[in-house]
Amino acid sequence: MVNKTRILLADDHKLFAAGIQNLLSREADFEIVGVFHNGKEALEALENSKVDLVITDMNMPGTNGLAILQHIKKKRWKIKTIVLSMYDEEEIFRKCIKQGVNAYMLKNADTDELIFTIREVMEDRYLANFDHVLKQAEDDDFEQYDHFKMAFKLSKREIEILKWIAKGKTSKEIADALHLSVFTVETHRKHLHQKLEVSSMAELVKKALEMGLG
């Protein structure tokens, strides 16, 4: 039986919240225990529900996302937190970090990035870094590789790491360049081996070069 991560969503943009709910509900190891459109209702639900992870917006009517973080910290609940925000301001990022947030993401980040971040947070592997936050949502130049992304079900992050692998970079070098943990890069390498059906580093580099990533 799959051990599911119980997730509570708080966002006053109903269409956005519904989209995130639909996205996460497709994952076998995630369970959405509630979706709330203001902080007050979210906090009431936290008092009465068993939750592993809260994903919250920053700006909501009444009780905002920062107040939710503060409440969780004050209560010393063992609940992980991720802020999904439209604000790419380092000051706001630091305020959230001060209140113990586990990850801060921009709302225009890649959907695969959110799913991966959730799993990293739950495994205590995520490294909170503002440069990484900005990089998650920056415009990419990978449209030319859309065929490969669709054919092999590769995420934007996997394509990016594959480009670095094709250049002969080590996991440590890639991690430093992309503001990730070495564990994260190694996990992506493992996924790439599986998706591209290769069994060695030489085969992986050859595949990347064939895809024009070198």
N, C-alpha and C. Protein backbone atom coordinates (compact mmCIF):
# COMPACT_ATOMS: atom_id res chain seq x y z
N MET A 1 0.84 -1.20 0.00
CA MET A 1 0.00 0.00 0.00
C MET A 1 0.88 1.25 0.00
N VAL A 2 0.54 2.22 -0.85
CA VAL A 2 1.32 3.44 -0.97
C VAL A 2 1.12 4.33 0.26
N ASN A 3 2.22 4.80 0.83
CA ASN A 3 2.15 5.73 1.96
C ASN A 3 1.97 7.13 1.40
N LYS A 4 0.77 7.69 1.54
CA LYS A 4 0.45 8.94 0.88
C LYS A 4 0.79 10.16 1.72
N THR A 5 1.20 11.22 1.03
CA THR A 5 1.43 12.52 1.65
C THR A 5 0.10 13.27 1.65
N ARG A 6 -0.38 13.61 2.84
CA ARG A 6 -1.67 14.31 2.96
C ARG A 6 -1.43 15.82 2.81
N ILE A 7 -2.04 16.40 1.79
CA ILE A 7 -1.75 17.79 1.41
C ILE A 7 -2.98 18.68 1.57
N LEU A 8 -2.76 19.85 2.18
CA LEU A 8 -3.80 20.87 2.27
C LEU A 8 -3.39 22.05 1.40
N LEU A 9 -4.31 22.52 0.55
CA LEU A 9 -4.06 23.65 -0.34
C LEU A 9 -4.80 24.88 0.15
N ALA A 10 -4.12 26.04 0.12
CA ALA A 10 -4.76 27.31 0.49
C ALA A 10 -4.41 28.35 -0.56
N ASP A 11 -5.41 28.78 -1.33
CA ASP A 11 -5.20 29.79 -2.37
C ASP A 11 -6.54 30.41 -2.72
N ASP A 12 -6.61 31.73 -2.75
CA ASP A 12 -7.89 32.39 -3.02
C ASP A 12 -8.24 32.47 -4.51
N HIS A 13 -7.30 32.08 -5.37
CA HIS A 13 -7.60 32.02 -6.80
C HIS A 13 -8.16 30.62 -7.10
N LYS A 14 -9.46 30.55 -7.23
CA LYS A 14 -10.14 29.25 -7.28
C LYS A 14 -9.73 28.40 -8.48
N LEU A 15 -9.57 29.01 -9.63
CA LEU A 15 -9.18 28.24 -10.81
C LEU A 15 -7.76 27.69 -10.66
N PHE A 16 -6.87 28.51 -10.11
CA PHE A 16 -5.49 28.07 -9.90
C PHE A 16 -5.47 26.92 -8.90
N ALA A 17 -6.20 27.07 -7.80
CA ALA A 17 -6.25 26.03 -6.77
C ALA A 17 -6.81 24.72 -7.33
N ALA A 18 -7.84 24.83 -8.17
CA ALA A 18 -8.44 23.64 -8.77
C ALA A 18 -7.44 22.95 -9.70
N GLY A 19 -6.65 23.75 -10.42
CA GLY A 19 -5.64 23.19 -11.30
C GLY A 19 -4.56 22.43 -10.55
N ILE A 20 -4.10 23.01 -9.43
CA ILE A 20 -3.10 22.34 -8.60
C ILE A 20 -3.67 21.07 -7.98
N GLN A 21 -4.92 21.16 -7.53
CA GLN A 21 -5.58 19.98 -6.96
C GLN A 21 -5.65 18.85 -7.99
N ASN A 22 -6.04 19.18 -9.20
CA ASN A 22 -6.15 18.19 -10.26
C ASN A 22 -4.78 17.59 -10.60
N LEU A 23 -3.76 18.44 -10.67
CA LEU A 23 -2.41 18.00 -10.98
C LEU A 23 -1.90 17.01 -9.93
N LEU A 24 -2.04 17.37 -8.65
CA LEU A 24 -1.49 16.55 -7.58
C LEU A 24 -2.30 15.28 -7.34
N SER A 25 -3.59 15.34 -7.63
CA SER A 25 -4.45 14.18 -7.42
C SER A 25 -4.09 13.02 -8.34
N ARG A 26 -3.37 13.31 -9.42
CA ARG A 26 -2.97 12.26 -10.36
C ARG A 26 -1.81 11.42 -9.81
N GLU A 27 -1.14 11.93 -8.79
CA GLU A 27 0.02 11.23 -8.23
C GLU A 27 -0.43 10.23 -7.17
N ALA A 28 0.01 8.98 -7.31
CA ALA A 28 -0.45 7.91 -6.42
C ALA A 28 -0.07 8.13 -4.96
N ASP A 29 1.02 8.88 -4.73
CA ASP A 29 1.50 9.07 -3.36
C ASP A 29 1.03 10.38 -2.73
N PHE A 30 0.12 11.10 -3.39
CA PHE A 30 -0.42 12.35 -2.84
C PHE A 30 -1.91 12.20 -2.56
N GLU A 31 -2.35 12.80 -1.47
CA GLU A 31 -3.78 12.84 -1.15
C GLU A 31 -4.16 14.26 -0.75
N ILE A 32 -5.10 14.87 -1.46
CA ILE A 32 -5.55 16.22 -1.14
C ILE A 32 -6.64 16.12 -0.07
N VAL A 33 -6.36 16.63 1.12
CA VAL A 33 -7.32 16.52 2.22
C VAL A 33 -8.25 17.73 2.30
N GLY A 34 -7.91 18.81 1.56
CA GLY A 34 -8.77 19.97 1.56
C GLY A 34 -8.21 21.09 0.72
N VAL A 35 -9.10 21.87 0.11
CA VAL A 35 -8.72 23.06 -0.66
C VAL A 35 -9.49 24.24 -0.09
N PHE A 36 -8.78 25.28 0.34
CA PHE A 36 -9.41 26.42 1.01
C PHE A 36 -9.00 27.72 0.34
N HIS A 37 -9.93 28.66 0.31
CA HIS A 37 -9.71 29.90 -0.42
C HIS A 37 -9.45 31.11 0.48
N ASN A 38 -9.27 30.84 1.78
CA ASN A 38 -8.80 31.89 2.69
C ASN A 38 -8.06 31.22 3.84
N GLY A 39 -7.18 32.00 4.47
CA GLY A 39 -6.33 31.45 5.51
C GLY A 39 -7.06 31.01 6.75
N LYS A 40 -8.14 31.68 7.09
CA LYS A 40 -8.91 31.35 8.30
C LYS A 40 -9.47 29.93 8.21
N GLU A 41 -10.08 29.61 7.07
CA GLU A 41 -10.63 28.27 6.89
C GLU A 41 -9.52 27.22 6.88
N ALA A 42 -8.39 27.58 6.30
CA ALA A 42 -7.27 26.64 6.25
C ALA A 42 -6.77 26.32 7.65
N LEU A 43 -6.64 27.35 8.49
CA LEU A 43 -6.17 27.13 9.86
C LEU A 43 -7.17 26.31 10.66
N GLU A 44 -8.45 26.55 10.47
CA GLU A 44 -9.47 25.76 11.15
C GLU A 44 -9.37 24.29 10.75
N ALA A 45 -9.13 24.06 9.48
CA ALA A 45 -8.98 22.68 9.00
C ALA A 45 -7.74 22.01 9.59
N LEU A 46 -6.67 22.78 9.73
CA LEU A 46 -5.43 22.23 10.30
C LEU A 46 -5.62 21.79 11.75
N GLU A 47 -6.51 22.46 12.45
CA GLU A 47 -6.78 22.11 13.85
C GLU A 47 -7.50 20.77 13.96
N ASN A 48 -8.19 20.39 12.88
CA ASN A 48 -9.05 19.20 12.96
C ASN A 48 -8.71 18.10 11.98
N SER A 49 -7.62 18.28 11.21
CA SER A 49 -7.26 17.28 10.20
C SER A 49 -5.81 16.86 10.37
N LYS A 50 -5.52 15.66 9.91
CA LYS A 50 -4.14 15.18 9.91
C LYS A 50 -3.52 15.55 8.57
N VAL A 51 -2.55 16.45 8.61
CA VAL A 51 -1.94 16.99 7.40
C VAL A 51 -0.43 16.85 7.46
N ASP A 52 0.18 16.44 6.35
CA ASP A 52 1.64 16.33 6.27
C ASP A 52 2.27 17.57 5.64
N LEU A 53 1.53 18.18 4.72
CA LEU A 53 2.08 19.28 3.94
C LEU A 53 1.01 20.33 3.65
N VAL A 54 1.38 21.60 3.85
CA VAL A 54 0.52 22.72 3.47
C VAL A 54 1.17 23.45 2.30
N ILE A 55 0.40 23.64 1.24
CA ILE A 55 0.83 24.46 0.11
C ILE A 55 -0.04 25.70 0.11
N THR A 56 0.56 26.86 0.31
CA THR A 56 -0.23 28.07 0.48
C THR A 56 0.24 29.22 -0.41
N ASP A 57 -0.73 30.04 -0.79
CA ASP A 57 -0.46 31.31 -1.45
C ASP A 57 0.00 32.29 -0.38
N MET A 58 0.56 33.41 -0.79
CA MET A 58 0.94 34.45 0.17
C MET A 58 -0.23 35.38 0.47
N ASN A 59 -0.84 35.92 -0.58
CA ASN A 59 -1.91 36.90 -0.41
C ASN A 59 -3.27 36.24 -0.46
N MET A 60 -4.00 36.30 0.66
CA MET A 60 -5.36 35.80 0.72
C MET A 60 -6.15 36.74 1.62
N PRO A 61 -7.48 36.83 1.44
CA PRO A 61 -8.27 37.70 2.31
C PRO A 61 -8.22 37.26 3.76
N GLY A 62 -8.15 38.21 4.67
CA GLY A 62 -8.10 37.87 6.09
C GLY A 62 -6.73 37.35 6.47
N THR A 63 -6.67 36.11 6.86
CA THR A 63 -5.43 35.47 7.26
C THR A 63 -4.63 35.08 6.02
N ASN A 64 -3.40 35.64 5.89
CA ASN A 64 -2.61 35.36 4.69
C ASN A 64 -1.66 34.18 4.89
N GLY A 65 -0.89 33.89 3.85
CA GLY A 65 0.01 32.75 3.90
C GLY A 65 1.07 32.85 4.97
N LEU A 66 1.59 34.06 5.18
CA LEU A 66 2.62 34.25 6.21
C LEU A 66 2.06 33.95 7.59
N ALA A 67 0.80 34.33 7.82
CA ALA A 67 0.15 34.05 9.11
C ALA A 67 -0.03 32.55 9.32
N ILE A 68 -0.30 31.82 8.23
CA ILE A 68 -0.41 30.36 8.33
C ILE A 68 0.93 29.76 8.75
N LEU A 69 2.01 30.23 8.12
CA LEU A 69 3.35 29.76 8.49
C LEU A 69 3.66 30.05 9.95
N GLN A 70 3.33 31.25 10.39
CA GLN A 70 3.57 31.66 11.77
C GLN A 70 2.79 30.79 12.75
N HIS A 71 1.55 30.47 12.40
CA HIS A 71 0.71 29.65 13.27
C HIS A 71 1.26 28.23 13.39
N ILE A 72 1.67 27.67 12.27
CA ILE A 72 2.24 26.32 12.28
C ILE A 72 3.52 26.29 13.12
N LYS A 73 4.34 27.33 12.98
CA LYS A 73 5.59 27.42 13.74
C LYS A 73 5.30 27.57 15.24
N LYS A 74 4.33 28.42 15.57
CA LYS A 74 3.96 28.65 16.98
C LYS A 74 3.43 27.38 17.63
N LYS A 75 2.62 26.64 16.89
CA LYS A 75 2.03 25.40 17.42
C LYS A 75 3.03 24.24 17.44
N ARG A 76 4.15 24.43 16.75
CA ARG A 76 5.18 23.39 16.64
C ARG A 76 4.64 22.11 16.02
N TRP A 77 3.72 22.30 15.08
CA TRP A 77 3.20 21.14 14.36
C TRP A 77 4.27 20.61 13.42
N LYS A 78 4.30 19.30 13.28
CA LYS A 78 5.26 18.67 12.37
C LYS A 78 4.62 18.61 10.98
N ILE A 79 4.43 19.79 10.42
CA ILE A 79 3.82 19.93 9.10
C ILE A 79 4.79 20.66 8.18
N LYS A 80 5.08 20.08 7.02
CA LYS A 80 5.93 20.74 6.05
C LYS A 80 5.13 21.83 5.34
N THR A 81 5.82 22.84 4.83
CA THR A 81 5.13 23.94 4.16
C THR A 81 5.84 24.36 2.88
N ILE A 82 5.03 24.67 1.87
CA ILE A 82 5.51 25.21 0.61
C ILE A 82 4.69 26.44 0.28
N VAL A 83 5.34 27.54 -0.04
CA VAL A 83 4.65 28.74 -0.49
C VAL A 83 4.69 28.79 -2.00
N LEU A 84 3.51 28.96 -2.61
CA LEU A 84 3.40 29.18 -4.05
C LEU A 84 3.00 30.64 -4.24
N SER A 85 3.89 31.43 -4.79
CA SER A 85 3.65 32.87 -4.85
C SER A 85 3.94 33.45 -6.22
N MET A 86 3.35 34.61 -6.49
CA MET A 86 3.65 35.33 -7.72
C MET A 86 4.79 36.32 -7.51
N TYR A 87 5.26 36.46 -6.26
CA TYR A 87 6.26 37.47 -5.93
C TYR A 87 7.68 36.90 -6.00
N ASP A 88 8.49 37.46 -6.90
CA ASP A 88 9.88 37.03 -7.01
C ASP A 88 10.80 38.01 -6.28
N GLU A 89 10.39 38.40 -5.07
CA GLU A 89 11.15 39.35 -4.27
C GLU A 89 11.86 38.63 -3.14
N GLU A 90 13.16 38.88 -3.04
CA GLU A 90 13.97 38.16 -2.04
C GLU A 90 13.54 38.47 -0.62
N GLU A 91 13.05 39.68 -0.38
CA GLU A 91 12.61 40.06 0.97
C GLU A 91 11.45 39.17 1.43
N ILE A 92 10.50 38.92 0.52
CA ILE A 92 9.36 38.06 0.86
C ILE A 92 9.84 36.63 1.07
N PHE A 93 10.74 36.19 0.21
CA PHE A 93 11.33 34.86 0.35
C PHE A 93 11.96 34.69 1.73
N ARG A 94 12.72 35.69 2.16
CA ARG A 94 13.42 35.61 3.45
C ARG A 94 12.44 35.63 4.63
N LYS A 95 11.35 36.38 4.49
CA LYS A 95 10.32 36.40 5.55
C LYS A 95 9.73 35.00 5.73
N CYS A 96 9.51 34.33 4.62
CA CYS A 96 8.96 32.97 4.68
C CYS A 96 9.96 32.00 5.29
N ILE A 97 11.22 32.13 4.90
CA ILE A 97 12.27 31.27 5.45
C ILE A 97 12.37 31.47 6.97
N LYS A 98 12.26 32.71 7.40
CA LYS A 98 12.32 33.03 8.83
C LYS A 98 11.20 32.32 9.60
N GLN A 99 10.06 32.14 8.95
CA GLN A 99 8.92 31.46 9.59
C GLN A 99 8.95 29.95 9.38
N GLY A 100 10.05 29.47 8.83
CA GLY A 100 10.24 28.02 8.76
C GLY A 100 9.71 27.33 7.52
N VAL A 101 9.39 28.09 6.46
CA VAL A 101 8.89 27.45 5.24
C VAL A 101 9.94 26.50 4.68
N ASN A 102 9.49 25.39 4.14
CA ASN A 102 10.42 24.40 3.60
C ASN A 102 10.81 24.67 2.15
N ALA A 103 9.89 25.29 1.40
CA ALA A 103 10.19 25.62 0.00
C ALA A 103 9.34 26.80 -0.43
N TYR A 104 9.92 27.61 -1.32
CA TYR A 104 9.24 28.78 -1.87
C TYR A 104 9.32 28.67 -3.38
N MET A 105 8.15 28.67 -4.03
CA MET A 105 8.12 28.53 -5.49
C MET A 105 7.27 29.63 -6.12
N LEU A 106 7.62 29.98 -7.34
CA LEU A 106 6.82 30.94 -8.09
C LEU A 106 5.71 30.19 -8.84
N LYS A 107 4.58 30.88 -8.99
CA LYS A 107 3.42 30.23 -9.57
C LYS A 107 3.59 29.87 -11.04
N ASN A 108 4.54 30.49 -11.71
CA ASN A 108 4.76 30.16 -13.12
C ASN A 108 5.89 29.15 -13.31
N ALA A 109 6.27 28.47 -12.23
CA ALA A 109 7.26 27.40 -12.34
C ALA A 109 6.66 26.20 -13.07
N ASP A 110 7.51 25.35 -13.58
CA ASP A 110 7.07 24.16 -14.29
C ASP A 110 6.30 23.24 -13.35
N THR A 111 5.21 22.62 -13.84
CA THR A 111 4.40 21.75 -12.98
C THR A 111 5.20 20.55 -12.47
N ASP A 112 6.09 20.03 -13.31
CA ASP A 112 6.94 18.91 -12.87
C ASP A 112 7.83 19.33 -11.70
N GLU A 113 8.22 20.61 -11.71
CA GLU A 113 9.08 21.12 -10.65
C GLU A 113 8.35 21.10 -9.30
N LEU A 114 7.05 21.42 -9.32
CA LEU A 114 6.26 21.39 -8.09
C LEU A 114 6.18 19.99 -7.52
N ILE A 115 5.88 19.03 -8.37
CA ILE A 115 5.76 17.64 -7.92
C ILE A 115 7.09 17.15 -7.34
N PHE A 116 8.17 17.45 -8.04
CA PHE A 116 9.49 17.03 -7.56
C PHE A 116 9.84 17.73 -6.25
N THR A 117 9.52 19.02 -6.15
CA THR A 117 9.81 19.77 -4.93
C THR A 117 9.05 19.21 -3.74
N ILE A 118 7.80 18.83 -3.93
CA ILE A 118 7.02 18.24 -2.85
C ILE A 118 7.72 17.00 -2.31
N ARG A 119 8.15 16.15 -3.20
CA ARG A 119 8.80 14.91 -2.76
C ARG A 119 10.13 15.20 -2.07
N GLU A 120 10.86 16.18 -2.57
CA GLU A 120 12.13 16.55 -1.92
C GLU A 120 11.89 17.11 -0.52
N VAL A 121 10.87 17.94 -0.38
CA VAL A 121 10.54 18.53 0.92
C VAL A 121 10.16 17.43 1.91
N MET A 122 9.35 16.50 1.47
CA MET A 122 8.89 15.43 2.37
C MET A 122 10.03 14.50 2.77
N GLU A 123 11.09 14.45 1.95
CA GLU A 123 12.25 13.61 2.26
C GLU A 123 13.38 14.42 2.90
N ASP A 124 13.09 15.70 3.22
CA ASP A 124 14.09 16.59 3.83
C ASP A 124 15.32 16.75 2.95
N ARG A 125 15.12 16.80 1.63
CA ARG A 125 16.22 16.92 0.68
C ARG A 125 16.27 18.29 0.02
N TYR A 126 15.23 19.10 0.18
CA TYR A 126 15.14 20.36 -0.55
C TYR A 126 16.06 21.41 0.04
N LEU A 127 16.77 22.13 -0.82
CA LEU A 127 17.64 23.23 -0.39
C LEU A 127 16.98 24.55 -0.78
N ALA A 128 16.56 25.33 0.21
CA ALA A 128 15.91 26.62 -0.06
C ALA A 128 16.95 27.64 -0.48
N ASN A 129 16.84 28.11 -1.71
CA ASN A 129 17.82 29.04 -2.26
C ASN A 129 17.08 29.98 -3.20
N PHE A 130 17.25 31.30 -3.02
CA PHE A 130 16.49 32.26 -3.81
C PHE A 130 16.86 32.22 -5.29
N ASP A 131 18.13 32.00 -5.60
CA ASP A 131 18.54 31.89 -7.01
C ASP A 131 17.85 30.70 -7.67
N HIS A 132 17.68 29.63 -6.91
CA HIS A 132 16.97 28.45 -7.42
C HIS A 132 15.51 28.78 -7.69
N VAL A 133 14.90 29.58 -6.81
CA VAL A 133 13.51 30.02 -6.99
C VAL A 133 13.35 30.74 -8.32
N LEU A 134 14.24 31.67 -8.59
CA LEU A 134 14.18 32.44 -9.83
C LEU A 134 14.38 31.55 -11.05
N LYS A 135 15.31 30.60 -10.93
CA LYS A 135 15.63 29.73 -12.06
C LYS A 135 14.47 28.81 -12.41
N GLN A 136 13.68 28.42 -11.41
CA GLN A 136 12.56 27.52 -11.65
C GLN A 136 11.58 28.10 -12.67
N ALA A 137 11.43 29.43 -12.64
CA ALA A 137 10.38 30.05 -13.44
C ALA A 137 10.90 30.85 -14.63
N GLU A 138 12.21 30.89 -14.83
CA GLU A 138 12.73 31.70 -15.93
C GLU A 138 12.37 31.07 -17.27
N ASP A 139 12.25 31.91 -18.28
CA ASP A 139 11.93 31.41 -19.62
C ASP A 139 13.04 30.48 -20.08
N ASP A 140 12.64 29.34 -20.62
CA ASP A 140 13.66 28.39 -21.09
C ASP A 140 13.82 28.47 -22.60
N ASP A 141 14.91 27.91 -23.07
CA ASP A 141 15.17 27.90 -24.52
C ASP A 141 15.13 26.46 -25.03
N PHE A 142 14.24 25.67 -24.42
CA PHE A 142 14.21 24.25 -24.73
C PHE A 142 13.08 23.85 -25.67
N GLU A 143 12.38 24.87 -26.26
CA GLU A 143 11.27 24.54 -27.16
C GLU A 143 11.72 23.65 -28.32
N GLN A 144 12.98 23.81 -28.73
CA GLN A 144 13.49 23.01 -29.84
C GLN A 144 13.57 21.53 -29.50
N TYR A 145 13.48 21.22 -28.20
CA TYR A 145 13.58 19.83 -27.76
C TYR A 145 12.22 19.25 -27.37
N ASP A 146 11.13 19.95 -27.74
CA ASP A 146 9.79 19.50 -27.36
C ASP A 146 9.50 18.08 -27.84
N HIS A 147 10.01 17.73 -29.01
CA HIS A 147 9.77 16.37 -29.53
C HIS A 147 10.33 15.33 -28.57
N PHE A 148 11.55 15.56 -28.10
CA PHE A 148 12.18 14.61 -27.17
C PHE A 148 11.48 14.62 -25.81
N LYS A 149 11.04 15.82 -25.38
CA LYS A 149 10.33 15.92 -24.10
C LYS A 149 9.07 15.08 -24.13
N MET A 150 8.36 15.13 -25.26
CA MET A 150 7.11 14.37 -25.38
C MET A 150 7.39 12.88 -25.59
N ALA A 151 8.36 12.57 -26.42
CA ALA A 151 8.66 11.17 -26.75
C ALA A 151 9.15 10.38 -25.54
N PHE A 152 9.97 11.03 -24.70
CA PHE A 152 10.56 10.34 -23.55
C PHE A 152 9.97 10.81 -22.22
N LYS A 153 8.93 11.70 -22.29
CA LYS A 153 8.29 12.22 -21.08
C LYS A 153 9.31 12.88 -20.14
N LEU A 154 10.16 13.73 -20.73
CA LEU A 154 11.18 14.43 -19.96
C LEU A 154 10.65 15.77 -19.48
N SER A 155 11.01 16.14 -18.27
CA SER A 155 10.64 17.45 -17.74
C SER A 155 11.67 18.49 -18.18
N LYS A 156 11.32 19.75 -18.01
CA LYS A 156 12.25 20.84 -18.33
C LYS A 156 13.55 20.66 -17.54
N ARG A 157 13.44 20.32 -16.27
CA ARG A 157 14.63 20.14 -15.43
C ARG A 157 15.49 19.00 -15.93
N GLU A 158 14.88 17.91 -16.36
CA GLU A 158 15.65 16.77 -16.86
C GLU A 158 16.40 17.12 -18.14
N ILE A 159 15.75 17.87 -19.03
CA ILE A 159 16.43 18.33 -20.25
C ILE A 159 17.62 19.20 -19.88
N GLU A 160 17.42 20.09 -18.91
CA GLU A 160 18.48 21.00 -18.48
C GLU A 160 19.68 20.23 -17.93
N ILE A 161 19.41 19.25 -17.09
CA ILE A 161 20.49 18.45 -16.50
C ILE A 161 21.16 17.59 -17.57
N LEU A 162 20.39 17.10 -18.51
CA LEU A 162 20.96 16.30 -19.59
C LEU A 162 21.94 17.13 -20.41
N LYS A 163 21.64 18.41 -20.60
CA LYS A 163 22.56 19.29 -21.33
C LYS A 163 23.89 19.40 -20.60
N TRP A 164 23.83 19.51 -19.27
CA TRP A 164 25.06 19.61 -18.48
C TRP A 164 25.83 18.29 -18.51
N ILE A 165 25.11 17.17 -18.49
CA ILE A 165 25.76 15.87 -18.56
C ILE A 165 26.50 15.72 -19.89
N ALA A 166 25.87 16.20 -20.97
CA ALA A 166 26.48 16.12 -22.29
C ALA A 166 27.78 16.91 -22.36
N LYS A 167 27.90 17.92 -21.49
CA LYS A 167 29.13 18.74 -21.44
C LYS A 167 30.19 18.10 -20.55
N GLY A 168 29.85 16.94 -19.98
CA GLY A 168 30.82 16.22 -19.16
C GLY A 168 30.90 16.70 -17.71
N LYS A 169 29.89 17.42 -17.25
CA LYS A 169 29.91 17.94 -15.89
C LYS A 169 29.53 16.88 -14.86
N THR A 170 30.13 16.97 -13.69
CA THR A 170 29.83 16.04 -12.61
C THR A 170 28.54 16.47 -11.91
N SER A 171 27.99 15.58 -11.08
CA SER A 171 26.77 15.92 -10.33
C SER A 171 27.00 17.12 -9.42
N LYS A 172 28.19 17.21 -8.82
CA LYS A 172 28.51 18.34 -7.94
C LYS A 172 28.54 19.65 -8.73
N GLU A 173 29.14 19.62 -9.91
CA GLU A 173 29.22 20.82 -10.75
C GLU A 173 27.83 21.25 -11.21
N ILE A 174 27.00 20.27 -11.57
CA ILE A 174 25.63 20.58 -12.00
C ILE A 174 24.82 21.14 -10.84
N ALA A 175 24.97 20.54 -9.68
CA ALA A 175 24.25 20.99 -8.50
C ALA A 175 24.61 22.43 -8.16
N ASP A 176 25.89 22.75 -8.23
CA ASP A 176 26.33 24.11 -7.91
C ASP A 176 25.79 25.12 -8.93
N ALA A 177 25.78 24.74 -10.20
CA ALA A 177 25.33 25.65 -11.26
C ALA A 177 23.83 25.91 -11.19
N LEU A 178 23.06 24.89 -10.80
CA LEU A 178 21.60 25.00 -10.80
C LEU A 178 21.01 25.25 -9.42
N HIS A 179 21.89 25.39 -8.41
CA HIS A 179 21.45 25.64 -7.02
C HIS A 179 20.55 24.50 -6.52
N LEU A 180 21.03 23.27 -6.76
CA LEU A 180 20.32 22.08 -6.31
C LEU A 180 21.22 21.28 -5.39
N SER A 181 20.65 20.30 -4.72
CA SER A 181 21.48 19.39 -3.94
C SER A 181 22.05 18.33 -4.88
N VAL A 182 23.17 17.74 -4.49
CA VAL A 182 23.77 16.67 -5.28
C VAL A 182 22.79 15.49 -5.37
N PHE A 183 22.07 15.24 -4.27
CA PHE A 183 21.08 14.16 -4.26
C PHE A 183 20.02 14.39 -5.33
N THR A 184 19.57 15.64 -5.48
CA THR A 184 18.55 15.96 -6.48
C THR A 184 19.06 15.65 -7.88
N VAL A 185 20.29 16.07 -8.16
CA VAL A 185 20.88 15.81 -9.48
C VAL A 185 21.01 14.31 -9.73
N GLU A 186 21.45 13.58 -8.71
CA GLU A 186 21.60 12.13 -8.85
C GLU A 186 20.25 11.47 -9.09
N THR A 187 19.20 11.99 -8.44
CA THR A 187 17.85 11.45 -8.66
C THR A 187 17.41 11.69 -10.10
N HIS A 188 17.68 12.88 -10.61
CA HIS A 188 17.34 13.17 -12.01
C HIS A 188 18.14 12.28 -12.95
N ARG A 189 19.41 12.04 -12.64
CA ARG A 189 20.23 11.13 -13.47
C ARG A 189 19.57 9.75 -13.53
N LYS A 190 19.13 9.28 -12.38
CA LYS A 190 18.49 7.95 -12.31
C LYS A 190 17.24 7.92 -13.19
N HIS A 191 16.43 8.97 -13.11
CA HIS A 191 15.21 9.04 -13.92
C HIS A 191 15.55 9.08 -15.40
N LEU A 192 16.61 9.80 -15.75
CA LEU A 192 17.02 9.89 -17.14
C LEU A 192 17.45 8.54 -17.68
N HIS A 193 18.18 7.78 -16.87
CA HIS A 193 18.60 6.44 -17.27
C HIS A 193 17.37 5.58 -17.57
N GLN A 194 16.35 5.69 -16.70
CA GLN A 194 15.14 4.89 -16.87
C GLN A 194 14.34 5.32 -18.11
N LYS A 195 14.15 6.63 -18.25
CA LYS A 195 13.32 7.14 -19.35
C LYS A 195 13.98 6.96 -20.71
N LEU A 196 15.28 7.12 -20.76
CA LEU A 196 15.99 6.99 -22.03
C LEU A 196 16.47 5.57 -22.29
N GLU A 197 16.22 4.68 -21.31
CA GLU A 197 16.56 3.26 -21.43
C GLU A 197 18.03 3.05 -21.73
N VAL A 198 18.87 3.66 -20.91
CA VAL A 198 20.32 3.47 -21.02
C VAL A 198 20.83 2.91 -19.70
N SER A 199 21.94 2.24 -19.75
CA SER A 199 22.44 1.57 -18.54
C SER A 199 23.79 2.08 -18.05
N SER A 200 24.39 3.01 -18.80
CA SER A 200 25.69 3.52 -18.39
C SER A 200 25.79 5.01 -18.68
N MET A 201 26.78 5.64 -18.07
CA MET A 201 27.00 7.06 -18.29
C MET A 201 27.38 7.34 -19.74
N ALA A 202 28.17 6.46 -20.32
CA ALA A 202 28.58 6.63 -21.71
C ALA A 202 27.36 6.62 -22.63
N GLU A 203 26.43 5.72 -22.37
CA GLU A 203 25.21 5.64 -23.19
C GLU A 203 24.34 6.88 -22.99
N LEU A 204 24.32 7.39 -21.75
CA LEU A 204 23.53 8.59 -21.46
C LEU A 204 24.09 9.80 -22.21
N VAL A 205 25.42 9.95 -22.18
CA VAL A 205 26.06 11.06 -22.89
C VAL A 205 25.83 10.91 -24.40
N LYS A 206 25.95 9.71 -24.92
CA LYS A 206 25.73 9.47 -26.35
C LYS A 206 24.30 9.86 -26.74
N LYS A 207 23.33 9.48 -25.88
CA LYS A 207 21.93 9.80 -26.15
C LYS A 207 21.72 11.32 -26.16
N ALA A 208 22.34 12.00 -25.20
CA ALA A 208 22.22 13.46 -25.11
C ALA A 208 22.78 14.12 -26.37
N LEU A 209 23.90 13.63 -26.86
CA LEU A 209 24.53 14.19 -28.06
C LEU A 209 23.66 13.94 -29.30
N GLU A 210 23.03 12.76 -29.34
CA GLU A 210 22.13 12.43 -30.45
C GLU A 210 20.92 13.37 -30.47
N MET A 211 20.54 13.84 -29.28
CA MET A 211 19.40 14.76 -29.16
C MET A 211 19.79 16.22 -29.41
N GLY A 212 21.10 16.41 -29.68
CA GLY A 212 21.57 17.76 -29.97
C GLY A 212 21.78 18.61 -28.74
N LEU A 213 22.03 17.96 -27.62
CA LEU A 213 22.18 18.69 -26.36
C LEU A 213 23.63 19.01 -26.01
N GLY A 214 24.54 18.54 -26.83
CA GLY A 214 25.95 18.75 -26.53
C GLY A 214 26.45 20.14 -26.91
